[in-house]
PDB file of N, CA and C in Angstrom:
ATOM      1  N   UNK A   1       0.744  -1.262  -0.017  1.00  0.00           N
ATOM      2  CA  UNK A   1       0.063  -0.111  -0.082  1.00  0.00           C
ATOM      3  C   UNK A   1       1.026   1.253   0.090  1.00  0.00           C
ATOM      4  N   UNK A   2       0.568   2.261  -0.706  1.00  0.00           N
ATOM      5  CA  UNK A   2       1.402   3.295  -1.001  1.00  0.00           C
ATOM      6  C   UNK A   2       1.001   4.346   0.226  1.00  0.00           C
ATOM      7  N   UNK A   3       2.035   5.083   0.579  1.00  0.00           N
ATOM      8  CA  UNK A   3       1.775   5.967   1.616  1.00  0.00           C
ATOM      9  C   UNK A   3       1.119   7.238   1.064  1.00  0.00           C
ATOM     10  N   UNK A   4      -0.026   7.766   1.820  1.00  0.00           N
ATOM     11  CA  UNK A   4      -0.593   8.885   1.273  1.00  0.00           C
ATOM     12  C   UNK A   4       0.017  10.178   1.821  1.00  0.00           C
ATOM     13  N   UNK A   5      -0.195  11.243   1.076  1.00  0.00           N
ATOM     14  CA  UNK A   5       0.056  12.581   1.669  1.00  0.00           C
ATOM     15  C   UNK A   5      -0.199  12.829   3.117  1.00  0.00           C
ATOM     16  N   UNK A   6      -1.561  12.569   3.437  1.00  0.00           N
ATOM     17  CA  UNK A   6      -1.857  12.969   4.673  1.00  0.00           C
ATOM     18  C   UNK A   6      -1.213  12.170   5.734  1.00  0.00           C
ATOM     19  N   UNK A   7      -0.686  10.929   5.478  1.00  0.00           N
ATOM     20  CA  UNK A   7       0.282  10.182   6.408  1.00  0.00           C
ATOM     21  C   UNK A   7       1.608  10.935   6.577  1.00  0.00           C
ATOM     22  N   UNK A   8       2.018  11.647   5.520  1.00  0.00           N
ATOM     23  CA  UNK A   8       3.185  12.420   5.598  1.00  0.00           C
ATOM     24  C   UNK A   8       2.981  13.352   6.440  1.00  0.00           C
ATOM     25  N   UNK A   9       1.757  14.200   6.231  1.00  0.00           N
ATOM     26  CA  UNK A   9       1.436  15.283   7.175  1.00  0.00           C
ATOM     27  C   UNK A   9       1.433  15.091   8.554  1.00  0.00           C
ATOM     28  N   UNK A  10       0.894  13.810   8.983  1.00  0.00           N
ATOM     29  CA  UNK A  10       0.653  13.770  10.236  1.00  0.00           C
ATOM     30  C   UNK A  10       2.166  13.256  10.839  1.00  0.00           C
ATOM     31  N   UNK A  11       2.825  12.524  10.260  1.00  0.00           N
ATOM     32  CA  UNK A  11       4.185  12.371  10.737  1.00  0.00           C
ATOM     33  C   UNK A  11       5.001  13.603  10.848  1.00  0.00           C
ATOM     34  N   UNK A  12       4.904  14.658   9.826  1.00  0.00           N
ATOM     35  CA  UNK A  12       5.582  15.703   9.953  1.00  0.00           C
ATOM     36  C   UNK A  12       5.140  16.479  11.115  1.00  0.00           C
ATOM     37  N   UNK A  13       3.762  16.652  11.540  1.00  0.00           N
ATOM     38  CA  UNK A  13       3.403  17.333  12.764  1.00  0.00           C
ATOM     39  C   UNK A  13       3.901  16.856  13.965  1.00  0.00           C
ATOM     40  N   UNK A  14       3.937  15.184  14.099  1.00  0.00           N
ATOM     41  CA  UNK A  14       4.453  14.724  15.432  1.00  0.00           C
ATOM     42  C   UNK A  14       5.861  15.030  15.334  1.00  0.00           C
ATOM     43  N   UNK A  15       6.557  14.977  14.428  1.00  0.00           N
ATOM     44  CA  UNK A  15       8.079  15.377  14.545  1.00  0.00           C
ATOM     45  C   UNK A  15       8.378  16.722  14.835  1.00  0.00           C
ATOM     46  N   UNK A  16       7.433  17.515  14.492  1.00  0.00           N
ATOM     47  CA  UNK A  16       7.530  19.068  14.751  1.00  0.00           C
ATOM     48  C   UNK A  16       7.431  19.192  16.156  1.00  0.00           C
ATOM     49  N   UNK A  17       6.086  18.538  16.776  1.00  0.00           N
ATOM     50  CA  UNK A  17       6.158  18.906  18.033  1.00  0.00           C
ATOM     51  C   UNK A  17       7.219  18.196  18.794  1.00  0.00           C
ATOM     52  N   UNK A  18       7.993  17.032  18.498  1.00  0.00           N
ATOM     53  CA  UNK A  18       8.952  16.589  19.174  1.00  0.00           C
ATOM     54  C   UNK A  18      10.099  17.301  19.363  1.00  0.00           C
ATOM     55  N   UNK A  19      10.285  18.091  18.206  1.00  0.00           N
ATOM     56  CA  UNK A  19      11.570  19.075  18.140  1.00  0.00           C
ATOM     57  C   UNK A  19      11.338  20.298  18.746  1.00  0.00           C
ATOM     58  N   UNK A  20      10.176  20.600  19.170  1.00  0.00           N
ATOM     59  CA  UNK A  20       9.721  21.723  19.864  1.00  0.00           C
ATOM     60  C   UNK A  20       9.133  23.051  18.990  1.00  0.00           C
ATOM     61  N   UNK A  21       9.126  22.398  17.632  1.00  0.00           N
ATOM     62  CA  UNK A  21       8.840  23.605  16.650  1.00  0.00           C
ATOM     63  C   UNK A  21       7.110  23.684  16.590  1.00  0.00           C
ATOM     64  N   UNK A  22       7.079  24.830  15.983  1.00  0.00           N
ATOM     65  CA  UNK A  22       5.462  25.152  15.642  1.00  0.00           C
ATOM     66  C   UNK A  22       5.415  25.038  14.131  1.00  0.00           C
ATOM     67  N   UNK A  23       4.404  24.115  13.816  1.00  0.00           N
ATOM     68  CA  UNK A  23       3.992  23.984  12.268  1.00  0.00           C
ATOM     69  C   UNK A  23       2.686  24.491  11.995  1.00  0.00           C
ATOM     70  N   UNK A  24       2.787  25.642  11.282  1.00  0.00           N
ATOM     71  CA  UNK A  24       1.564  26.274  10.625  1.00  0.00           C
ATOM     72  C   UNK A  24       1.309  25.945   9.213  1.00  0.00           C
ATOM     73  N   UNK A  25      -0.096  25.560   9.189  1.00  0.00           N
ATOM     74  CA  UNK A  25      -0.495  25.379   7.862  1.00  0.00           C
ATOM     75  C   UNK A  25      -0.616  26.833   7.142  1.00  0.00           C
ATOM     76  N   UNK A  26      -0.138  26.899   5.840  1.00  0.00           N
ATOM     77  CA  UNK A  26      -0.222  28.246   5.207  1.00  0.00           C
ATOM     78  C   UNK A  26      -1.276  28.091   4.086  1.00  0.00           C
ATOM     79  N   UNK A  27      -2.210  29.032   4.221  1.00  0.00           N
ATOM     80  CA  UNK A  27      -3.058  29.085   3.355  1.00  0.00           C
ATOM     81  C   UNK A  27      -3.266  30.626   2.866  1.00  0.00           C
ATOM     82  N   UNK A  28      -3.197  30.755   1.452  1.00  0.00           N
ATOM     83  CA  UNK A  28      -3.245  31.960   0.839  1.00  0.00           C
ATOM     84  C   UNK A  28      -4.339  32.174  -0.014  1.00  0.00           C
ATOM     85  N   UNK A  29      -5.516  32.463   0.197  1.00  0.00           N
ATOM     86  CA  UNK A  29      -6.474  32.832  -0.682  1.00  0.00           C
ATOM     87  C   UNK A  29      -6.293  33.578  -1.781  1.00  0.00           C
ATOM     88  N   UNK A  30      -6.801  32.999  -3.102  1.00  0.00           N
ATOM     89  CA  UNK A  30      -6.228  33.830  -4.148  1.00  0.00           C
ATOM     90  C   UNK A  30      -4.773  33.536  -4.740  1.00  0.00           C
ATOM     91  N   UNK A  31      -3.925  32.838  -4.153  1.00  0.00           N
ATOM     92  CA  UNK A  31      -2.746  32.534  -4.509  1.00  0.00           C
ATOM     93  C   UNK A  31      -2.530  31.033  -4.734  1.00  0.00           C
ATOM     94  N   UNK A  32      -2.334  30.480  -5.778  1.00  0.00           N
ATOM     95  CA  UNK A  32      -1.766  29.161  -6.105  1.00  0.00           C
ATOM     96  C   UNK A  32      -0.518  28.713  -5.743  1.00  0.00           C
ATOM     97  N   UNK A  33      -0.203  27.664  -5.261  1.00  0.00           N
ATOM     98  CA  UNK A  33       1.008  27.174  -5.020  1.00  0.00           C
ATOM     99  C   UNK A  33       1.954  27.600  -3.926  1.00  0.00           C
ATOM    100  N   UNK A  34       1.268  27.942  -2.895  1.00  0.00           N
ATOM    101  CA  UNK A  34       2.211  28.363  -1.714  1.00  0.00           C
ATOM    102  C   UNK A  34       2.348  27.173  -1.154  1.00  0.00           C
ATOM    103  N   UNK A  35       3.653  26.874  -0.330  1.00  0.00           N
ATOM    104  CA  UNK A  35       4.022  25.759   0.329  1.00  0.00           C
ATOM    105  C   UNK A  35       3.144  25.596   1.288  1.00  0.00           C
ATOM    106  N   UNK A  36       2.962  24.086   1.889  1.00  0.00           N
ATOM    107  CA  UNK A  36       2.059  23.767   2.811  1.00  0.00           C
ATOM    108  C   UNK A  36       2.210  24.297   4.183  1.00  0.00           C
ATOM    109  N   UNK A  37       3.390  24.409   4.647  1.00  0.00           N
ATOM    110  CA  UNK A  37       3.649  24.604   5.994  1.00  0.00           C
ATOM    111  C   UNK A  37       4.616  25.874   6.246  1.00  0.00           C
ATOM    112  N   UNK A  38       4.527  26.444   7.313  1.00  0.00           N
ATOM    113  CA  UNK A  38       5.521  27.311   7.815  1.00  0.00           C
ATOM    114  C   UNK A  38       6.081  26.645   9.134  1.00  0.00           C
ATOM    115  N   UNK A  39       7.273  26.530   9.302  1.00  0.00           N
ATOM    116  CA  UNK A  39       7.820  25.755  10.296  1.00  0.00           C
ATOM    117  C   UNK A  39       9.038  26.505  11.082  1.00  0.00           C
ATOM    118  N   UNK A  40       8.429  26.869  12.234  1.00  0.00           N
ATOM    119  CA  UNK A  40       9.344  27.752  13.181  1.00  0.00           C
ATOM    120  C   UNK A  40       9.964  26.860  14.139  1.00  0.00           C
ATOM    121  N   UNK A  41      11.244  26.875  14.012  1.00  0.00           N
ATOM    122  CA  UNK A  41      11.888  25.962  15.094  1.00  0.00           C
ATOM    123  C   UNK A  41      12.483  26.782  16.209  1.00  0.00           C
ATOM    124  N   UNK A  42      12.636  26.265  17.492  1.00  0.00           N
ATOM    125  CA  UNK A  42      12.650  26.914  18.722  1.00  0.00           C
ATOM    126  C   UNK A  42      14.035  27.823  18.681  1.00  0.00           C
ATOM    127  N   UNK A  43      15.124  27.650  17.946  1.00  0.00           N
ATOM    128  CA  UNK A  43      16.259  28.438  17.894  1.00  0.00           C
ATOM    129  C   UNK A  43      16.232  29.556  16.989  1.00  0.00           C
ATOM    130  N   UNK A  44      15.034  29.888  16.282  1.00  0.00           N
ATOM    131  CA  UNK A  44      14.885  30.914  15.518  1.00  0.00           C
ATOM    132  C   UNK A  44      15.051  30.561  13.901  1.00  0.00           C
ATOM    133  N   UNK A  45      15.207  29.284  13.636  1.00  0.00           N
ATOM    134  CA  UNK A  45      15.210  29.097  12.213  1.00  0.00           C
ATOM    135  C   UNK A  45      13.817  28.815  11.749  1.00  0.00           C
ATOM    136  N   UNK A  46      13.639  29.111  10.426  1.00  0.00           N
ATOM    137  CA  UNK A  46      12.284  29.079   9.717  1.00  0.00           C
ATOM    138  C   UNK A  46      12.635  28.298   8.634  1.00  0.00           C
ATOM    139  N   UNK A  47      11.459  27.516   8.178  1.00  0.00           N
ATOM    140  CA  UNK A  47      11.489  26.731   7.030  1.00  0.00           C
ATOM    141  C   UNK A  47       9.994  26.814   6.188  1.00  0.00           C
ATOM    142  N   UNK A  48      10.074  26.972   4.967  1.00  0.00           N
ATOM    143  CA  UNK A  48       8.908  26.713   4.152  1.00  0.00           C
ATOM    144  C   UNK A  48       9.037  25.548   3.575  1.00  0.00           C
ATOM    145  N   UNK A  49       7.947  24.794   3.804  1.00  0.00           N
ATOM    146  CA  UNK A  49       7.832  23.381   3.594  1.00  0.00           C
ATOM    147  C   UNK A  49       6.718  22.805   2.859  1.00  0.00           C
ATOM    148  N   UNK A  50       6.642  22.223   1.805  1.00  0.00           N
ATOM    149  CA  UNK A  50       5.814  21.450   0.810  1.00  0.00           C
ATOM    150  C   UNK A  50       5.909  20.027   1.107  1.00  0.00           C
ATOM    151  N   UNK A  51       4.861  19.541   1.623  1.00  0.00           N
ATOM    152  CA  UNK A  51       4.877  18.004   1.951  1.00  0.00           C
ATOM    153  C   UNK A  51       4.067  17.387   0.813  1.00  0.00           C
ATOM    154  N   UNK A  52       4.726  16.240   0.523  1.00  0.00           N
ATOM    155  CA  UNK A  52       4.339  15.520  -0.769  1.00  0.00           C
ATOM    156  C   UNK A  52       4.263  13.881  -0.282  1.00  0.00           C
ATOM    157  N   UNK A  53       3.643  12.986  -0.963  1.00  0.00           N
ATOM    158  CA  UNK A  53       3.589  11.606  -0.792  1.00  0.00           C
ATOM    159  C   UNK A  53       4.987  11.191  -1.249  1.00  0.00           C
ATOM    160  N   UNK A  54       5.385   9.919  -0.765  1.00  0.00           N
ATOM    161  CA  UNK A  54       6.954   9.639  -1.199  1.00  0.00           C
ATOM    162  C   UNK A  54       6.972   9.641  -2.855  1.00  0.00           C
ATOM    163  N   UNK A  55       7.871  10.249  -3.271  1.00  0.00           N
ATOM    164  CA  UNK A  55       8.334  10.334  -4.810  1.00  0.00           C
ATOM    165  C   UNK A  55       7.346  11.622  -5.369  1.00  0.00           C
ATOM    166  N   UNK A  56       6.349  12.121  -4.792  1.00  0.00           N
ATOM    167  CA  UNK A  56       5.716  13.089  -5.393  1.00  0.00           C
ATOM    168  C   UNK A  56       6.418  14.488  -5.787  1.00  0.00           C
ATOM    169  N   UNK A  57       5.914  15.156  -6.521  1.00  0.00           N
ATOM    170  CA  UNK A  57       6.526  16.146  -7.066  1.00  0.00           C
ATOM    171  C   UNK A  57       5.684  17.558  -7.132  1.00  0.00           C
ATOM    172  N   UNK A  58       6.267  18.595  -6.927  1.00  0.00           N
ATOM    173  CA  UNK A  58       5.509  19.739  -7.076  1.00  0.00           C
ATOM    174  C   UNK A  58       4.711  19.883  -8.364  1.00  0.00           C
ATOM    175  N   UNK A  59       3.373  20.502  -8.245  1.00  0.00           N
ATOM    176  CA  UNK A  59       2.589  20.931  -9.665  1.00  0.00           C
ATOM    177  C   UNK A  59       3.327  22.107 -10.100  1.00  0.00           C
ATOM    178  N   UNK A  60       3.114  22.540 -11.422  1.00  0.00           N
ATOM    179  CA  UNK A  60       3.520  23.437 -12.016  1.00  0.00           C
ATOM    180  C   UNK A  60       3.329  24.854 -11.294  1.00  0.00           C
ATOM    181  N   UNK A  61       2.038  25.049 -10.862  1.00  0.00           N
ATOM    182  CA  UNK A  61       1.755  26.283 -10.069  1.00  0.00           C
ATOM    183  C   UNK A  61       2.733  26.431  -8.821  1.00  0.00           C
ATOM    184  N   UNK A  62       3.053  25.465  -8.090  1.00  0.00           N
ATOM    185  CA  UNK A  62       3.773  25.219  -6.911  1.00  0.00           C
ATOM    186  C   UNK A  62       5.309  25.649  -7.269  1.00  0.00           C
ATOM    187  N   UNK A  63       5.659  24.998  -8.388  1.00  0.00           N
ATOM    188  CA  UNK A  63       6.888  25.220  -9.004  1.00  0.00           C
ATOM    189  C   UNK A  63       7.264  26.595  -9.339  1.00  0.00           C
ATOM    190  N   UNK A  64       6.354  27.298  -9.633  1.00  0.00           N
ATOM    191  CA  UNK A  64       6.246  28.606 -10.331  1.00  0.00           C
ATOM    192  C   UNK A  64       6.380  29.537  -9.057  1.00  0.00           C
ATOM    193  N   UNK A  65       5.707  29.239  -7.912  1.00  0.00           N
ATOM    194  CA  UNK A  65       5.590  30.196  -6.656  1.00  0.00           C
ATOM    195  C   UNK A  65       6.639  29.958  -5.809  1.00  0.00           C
ATOM    196  N   UNK A  66       7.478  28.653  -5.894  1.00  0.00           N
ATOM    197  CA  UNK A  66       8.794  28.210  -5.167  1.00  0.00           C
ATOM    198  C   UNK A  66       9.898  29.118  -5.739  1.00  0.00           C
ATOM    199  N   UNK A  67       9.668  29.190  -7.213  1.00  0.00           N
ATOM    200  CA  UNK A  67      10.800  29.899  -8.102  1.00  0.00           C
ATOM    201  C   UNK A  67      10.665  31.308  -7.439  1.00  0.00           C
ATOM    202  N   UNK A  68       9.442  31.912  -7.254  1.00  0.00           N
ATOM    203  CA  UNK A  68       9.215  33.405  -6.879  1.00  0.00           C
ATOM    204  C   UNK A  68       9.841  33.523  -5.467  1.00  0.00           C
ATOM    205  N   UNK A  69       9.670  32.634  -4.688  1.00  0.00           N
ATOM    206  CA  UNK A  69       9.997  32.713  -3.275  1.00  0.00           C
ATOM    207  C   UNK A  69      11.583  32.493  -3.131  1.00  0.00           C
ATOM    208  N   UNK A  70      12.124  31.593  -4.200  1.00  0.00           N
ATOM    209  CA  UNK A  70      13.461  31.384  -4.036  1.00  0.00           C
ATOM    210  C   UNK A  70      14.393  32.604  -4.607  1.00  0.00           C
ATOM    211  N   UNK A  71      13.799  33.263  -5.451  1.00  0.00           N
ATOM    212  CA  UNK A  71      14.276  34.408  -6.148  1.00  0.00           C
ATOM    213  C   UNK A  71      14.480  35.578  -4.990  1.00  0.00           C
ATOM    214  N   UNK A  72      13.481  35.420  -3.976  1.00  0.00           N
ATOM    215  CA  UNK A  72      13.843  36.452  -2.948  1.00  0.00           C
ATOM    216  C   UNK A  72      14.359  35.982  -1.883  1.00  0.00           C
ATOM    217  N   UNK A  73      15.094  34.869  -1.984  1.00  0.00           N
ATOM    218  CA  UNK A  73      15.957  34.318  -0.936  1.00  0.00           C
ATOM    219  C   UNK A  73      15.655  33.225   0.022  1.00  0.00           C
ATOM    220  N   UNK A  74      14.355  32.793  -0.217  1.00  0.00           N
ATOM    221  CA  UNK A  74      13.653  31.887   0.723  1.00  0.00           C
ATOM    222  C   UNK A  74      13.516  30.579  -0.008  1.00  0.00           C
ATOM    223  N   UNK A  75      14.214  29.606   0.617  1.00  0.00           N
ATOM    224  CA  UNK A  75      14.254  28.110   0.062  1.00  0.00           C
ATOM    225  C   UNK A  75      12.943  27.498   0.292  1.00  0.00           C
ATOM    226  N   UNK A  76      12.439  26.779  -0.562  1.00  0.00           N
ATOM    227  CA  UNK A  76      11.125  25.789  -0.230  1.00  0.00           C
ATOM    228  C   UNK A  76      11.696  24.414  -0.026  1.00  0.00           C
ATOM    229  N   UNK A  77      11.332  23.785   1.072  1.00  0.00           N
ATOM    230  CA  UNK A  77      11.774  22.276   0.978  1.00  0.00           C
ATOM    231  C   UNK A  77      10.729  21.482   0.662  1.00  0.00           C
ATOM    232  N   UNK A  78      10.757  20.521  -0.414  1.00  0.00           N
ATOM    233  CA  UNK A  78       9.812  19.710  -0.723  1.00  0.00           C
ATOM    234  C   UNK A  78      10.379  18.240   0.034  1.00  0.00           C
ATOM    235  N   UNK A  79       9.251  18.024   0.915  1.00  0.00           N
ATOM    236  CA  UNK A  79       9.478  16.915   1.956  1.00  0.00           C
ATOM    237  C   UNK A  79       8.611  15.750   1.746  1.00  0.00           C
ATOM    238  N   UNK A  80       9.151  14.523   1.587  1.00  0.00           N
ATOM    239  CA  UNK A  80       8.286  13.436   1.200  1.00  0.00           C
ATOM    240  C   UNK A  80       8.584  12.417   2.184  1.00  0.00           C
ATOM    241  N   UNK A  81       9.951  12.718   3.135  1.00  0.00           N
ATOM    242  CA  UNK A  81      10.136  11.738   4.082  1.00  0.00           C
ATOM    243  C   UNK A  81      10.368  12.685   5.357  1.00  0.00           C
ATOM    244  N   UNK A  82       9.466  12.869   6.362  1.00  0.00           N
ATOM    245  CA  UNK A  82       9.625  13.957   7.584  1.00  0.00           C
ATOM    246  C   UNK A  82      10.813  13.382   8.298  1.00  0.00           C
ATOM    247  N   UNK A  83      11.009  11.978   8.605  1.00  0.00           N
ATOM    248  CA  UNK A  83      12.193  11.618   9.303  1.00  0.00           C
ATOM    249  C   UNK A  83      13.488  12.151   8.821  1.00  0.00           C
ATOM    250  N   UNK A  84      13.687  12.000   7.621  1.00  0.00           N
ATOM    251  CA  UNK A  84      14.882  12.509   7.033  1.00  0.00           C
ATOM    252  C   UNK A  84      15.148  14.012   6.989  1.00  0.00           C
ATOM    253  N   UNK A  85      14.081  14.600   6.733  1.00  0.00           N
ATOM    254  CA  UNK A  85      13.946  15.980   6.844  1.00  0.00           C
ATOM    255  C   UNK A  85      14.498  16.692   8.312  1.00  0.00           C
ATOM    256  N   UNK A  86      13.860  16.062   9.364  1.00  0.00           N
ATOM    257  CA  UNK A  86      14.138  16.430  10.496  1.00  0.00           C
ATOM    258  C   UNK A  86      15.650  16.179  11.154  1.00  0.00           C
ATOM    259  N   UNK A  87      15.839  14.906  10.610  1.00  0.00           N
ATOM    260  CA  UNK A  87      17.224  14.352  10.834  1.00  0.00           C
ATOM    261  C   UNK A  87      18.192  15.481  10.204  1.00  0.00           C
ATOM    262  N   UNK A  88      17.879  16.045   8.981  1.00  0.00           N
ATOM    263  CA  UNK A  88      18.973  16.674   8.335  1.00  0.00           C
ATOM    264  C   UNK A  88      18.876  17.975   8.903  1.00  0.00           C
ATOM    265  N   UNK A  89      17.571  18.687   9.524  1.00  0.00           N
ATOM    266  CA  UNK A  89      17.749  19.995   9.878  1.00  0.00           C
ATOM    267  C   UNK A  89      17.944  20.144  11.581  1.00  0.00           C
ATOM    268  N   UNK A  90      17.927  19.268  12.055  1.00  0.00           N
ATOM    269  CA  UNK A  90      18.110  18.964  13.645  1.00  0.00           C
ATOM    270  C   UNK A  90      19.688  18.549  13.951  1.00  0.00           C
ATOM    271  N   UNK A  91      20.442  17.913  12.724  1.00  0.00           N
ATOM    272  CA  UNK A  91      21.488  17.152  13.024  1.00  0.00           C
ATOM    273  C   UNK A  91      22.504  18.214  12.840  1.00  0.00           C
TER     274      UNK A  91
END
Protein backbone atom coordinates (compact mmCIF):
# COMPACT_ATOMS: atom_id res chain seq x y z
CA UNK A 1 0.00 0.00 0.00
CA UNK A 2 1.38 3.40 -0.98
CA UNK A 3 1.92 6.04 1.66
CA UNK A 4 -0.55 8.88 1.29
CA UNK A 5 0.23 12.56 1.64
CA UNK A 6 -1.97 12.86 4.74
CA UNK A 7 0.20 10.23 6.47
CA UNK A 8 3.26 12.35 5.62
CA UNK A 9 1.47 15.40 7.07
CA UNK A 10 0.64 13.56 10.31
CA UNK A 11 4.23 12.36 10.71
CA UNK A 12 5.58 15.84 9.99
CA UNK A 13 3.32 17.35 12.67
CA UNK A 14 4.36 14.73 15.22
CA UNK A 15 8.05 15.29 14.56
CA UNK A 16 7.62 19.07 14.67
CA UNK A 17 6.14 18.75 18.17
CA UNK A 18 8.94 16.41 19.26
CA UNK A 19 11.48 19.01 18.15
CA UNK A 20 9.66 21.82 19.94
CA UNK A 21 8.74 23.45 16.64
CA UNK A 22 5.59 25.26 15.60
CA UNK A 23 4.17 23.99 12.31
CA UNK A 24 1.49 26.19 10.78
CA UNK A 25 -0.55 25.40 7.70
CA UNK A 26 -0.15 28.20 5.17
CA UNK A 27 -3.30 29.10 3.27
CA UNK A 28 -3.19 32.10 0.97
CA UNK A 29 -6.58 32.75 -0.66
CA UNK A 30 -6.26 33.79 -4.27
CA UNK A 31 -2.66 32.53 -4.55
CA UNK A 32 -1.92 29.17 -6.08
CA UNK A 33 1.13 27.16 -5.15
CA UNK A 34 2.16 28.44 -1.73
CA UNK A 35 4.03 25.85 0.38
CA UNK A 36 1.95 23.75 2.80
CA UNK A 37 3.69 24.63 6.05
CA UNK A 38 5.55 27.37 7.83
CA UNK A 39 7.91 25.69 10.29
CA UNK A 40 9.29 27.74 13.18
CA UNK A 41 12.07 25.98 15.08
CA UNK A 42 12.79 26.91 18.71
CA UNK A 43 16.21 28.41 17.92
CA UNK A 44 14.83 30.97 15.46
CA UNK A 45 15.23 28.93 12.28
CA UNK A 46 12.37 29.10 9.78
CA UNK A 47 11.44 26.74 6.95
CA UNK A 48 8.94 26.88 4.11
CA UNK A 49 7.83 23.28 3.55
CA UNK A 50 5.82 21.57 0.84
CA UNK A 51 4.71 18.08 1.89
CA UNK A 52 4.33 15.35 -0.70
CA UNK A 53 3.66 11.62 -0.74
CA UNK A 54 6.87 9.63 -1.23
CA UNK A 55 8.18 10.39 -4.70
CA UNK A 56 5.65 13.20 -5.21
CA UNK A 57 6.66 16.32 -7.11
CA UNK A 58 5.38 19.90 -7.02
CA UNK A 59 2.68 20.89 -9.51
CA UNK A 60 3.51 23.56 -12.10
CA UNK A 61 1.77 26.29 -10.06
CA UNK A 62 3.78 25.26 -6.99
CA UNK A 63 7.08 25.21 -8.88
CA UNK A 64 6.34 28.70 -10.20
CA UNK A 65 5.57 30.04 -6.70
CA UNK A 66 8.64 28.30 -5.22
CA UNK A 67 10.79 29.98 -7.89
CA UNK A 68 9.34 33.38 -6.91
CA UNK A 69 10.12 32.74 -3.25
CA UNK A 70 13.60 31.42 -3.99
CA UNK A 71 14.34 34.47 -6.18
CA UNK A 72 13.75 36.49 -3.01
CA UNK A 73 16.08 34.35 -0.93
CA UNK A 74 13.61 31.89 0.63
CA UNK A 75 14.28 28.18 0.12
CA UNK A 76 11.26 25.88 -0.16
CA UNK A 77 11.86 22.37 1.15
CA UNK A 78 9.87 19.66 -0.65
CA UNK A 79 9.50 16.91 1.95
CA UNK A 80 8.31 13.39 1.23
CA UNK A 81 10.15 11.83 4.21
CA UNK A 82 9.63 13.82 7.42
CA UNK A 83 12.09 11.67 9.39
CA UNK A 84 14.91 12.41 6.93
CA UNK A 85 14.00 16.11 6.86
CA UNK A 86 14.09 16.53 10.64
CA UNK A 87 17.26 14.48 10.87
CA UNK A 88 18.89 16.83 8.35
CA UNK A 89 17.77 20.09 9.97
CA UNK A 90 18.24 18.96 13.59
CA UNK A 91 21.57 17.20 13.02
